């Protein structure tokens, strides 16, 4: 598929996610790894736990997103990521 391929990365709270979108509207993949079970015993999100989970989960989530999109990392034209709060 031609067009601008953007890898979007989300890690602002307790979900680690990645998606590949073409030309801003055609979603090739969307992978979300929730941390809800990790934080349940604390009654809410614990930032330090969330941060450590993102470190562990981000690479496999991105890899899965690229596989589902049917592209390799060198076919990504741009990367978009959340800036905050997490």
Protein backbone atom coordinates (compact mmCIF):
# COMPACT_ATOMS: atom_id res chain seq x y z
CA UNK A 1 0.00 0.00 0.00
CA UNK A 2 1.37 3.40 -0.92
CA UNK A 3 0.92 6.54 1.11
CA UNK A 4 2.46 7.91 4.27
CA UNK A 5 2.73 5.21 6.93
CA UNK A 6 2.76 6.46 10.51
CA UNK A 7 3.52 4.32 13.55
CA UNK A 8 1.57 5.72 16.50
CA UNK A 9 2.70 4.89 20.04
CA UNK A 10 0.59 5.41 23.18
CA UNK A 11 2.00 5.08 26.71
CA UNK A 12 0.36 7.96 28.57
CA UNK A 13 -1.25 5.92 31.35
CA UNK A 14 -1.80 2.20 31.88
CA UNK A 15 -2.10 0.91 28.32
CA UNK A 16 0.76 0.25 25.96
CA UNK A 17 -0.42 0.62 22.38
CA UNK A 18 0.86 0.92 18.84
CA UNK A 19 -0.90 1.38 15.52
CA UNK A 20 0.05 1.81 11.89
CA UNK A 21 -2.04 4.29 9.93
CA UNK A 22 -1.75 5.23 6.25
CA UNK A 23 -2.50 8.78 5.13
CA UNK A 24 -4.07 9.65 8.47
CA UNK A 25 -7.20 7.55 8.11
CA UNK A 26 -6.57 3.98 6.95
CA UNK A 27 -5.74 1.85 10.02
CA UNK A 28 -3.55 -1.13 9.12
CA UNK A 29 -3.12 -2.32 12.70
CA UNK A 30 -3.99 -1.40 16.27
CA UNK A 31 -2.48 -3.34 19.18
CA UNK A 32 -3.29 -2.56 22.82
CA UNK A 33 -1.82 -4.21 25.91
CA UNK A 34 -3.80 -3.27 29.01
CA UNK A 35 -2.31 -3.13 32.49
CA UNK A 36 -5.67 -3.19 34.28
CA UNK A 37 -4.94 -6.47 36.07
CA UNK A 38 -1.54 -5.20 37.20
CA UNK A 39 -3.06 -2.15 38.94
CA UNK A 40 -6.32 -3.68 40.20
CA UNK A 41 -4.97 -4.64 43.62
CA UNK A 42 -3.94 -1.01 44.25
CA UNK A 43 -7.32 0.48 43.39
CA UNK A 44 -5.84 2.66 40.65
CA UNK A 45 -2.88 3.24 38.42
CA UNK A 46 0.54 3.27 40.10
CA UNK A 47 2.81 5.36 37.84
CA UNK A 48 6.04 3.49 38.67
CA UNK A 49 4.42 0.12 37.91
CA UNK A 50 2.91 1.51 34.69
CA UNK A 51 6.28 2.89 33.59
CA UNK A 52 8.08 -0.39 34.17
CA UNK A 53 5.36 -2.31 32.32
CA UNK A 54 5.67 0.05 29.33
CA UNK A 55 9.41 -0.69 29.16
CA UNK A 56 8.66 -4.42 29.11
CA UNK A 57 5.70 -4.30 26.71
CA UNK A 58 6.54 -1.60 24.17
CA UNK A 59 8.88 -3.57 21.91
CA UNK A 60 6.56 -6.59 21.55
CA UNK A 61 3.51 -4.35 21.02
CA UNK A 62 5.28 -2.41 18.25
CA UNK A 63 6.53 -5.64 16.65
CA UNK A 64 3.03 -7.11 16.66
CA UNK A 65 1.58 -3.93 15.21
CA UNK A 66 4.08 -3.99 12.33
CA UNK A 67 3.39 -7.68 11.68
CA UNK A 68 -0.38 -7.11 11.64
CA UNK A 69 0.12 -4.15 9.29
CA UNK A 70 2.21 -6.35 7.00
CA UNK A 71 5.16 -3.97 6.94
CA UNK A 72 8.71 -3.85 8.25
CA UNK A 73 10.09 -1.08 10.42
CA UNK A 74 11.98 0.46 7.51
CA UNK A 75 8.65 1.01 5.72
CA UNK A 76 7.47 3.43 8.44
CA UNK A 77 7.60 7.03 7.24
CA UNK A 78 7.00 8.73 10.59
CA UNK A 79 6.47 8.01 14.27
CA UNK A 80 3.90 9.77 16.44
CA UNK A 81 3.90 9.39 20.21
CA UNK A 82 2.09 10.74 23.21
CA UNK A 83 3.95 13.45 25.08
CA UNK A 84 2.34 13.13 28.49
CA UNK A 85 1.37 12.67 31.17
CA UNK A 86 3.03 9.26 31.55
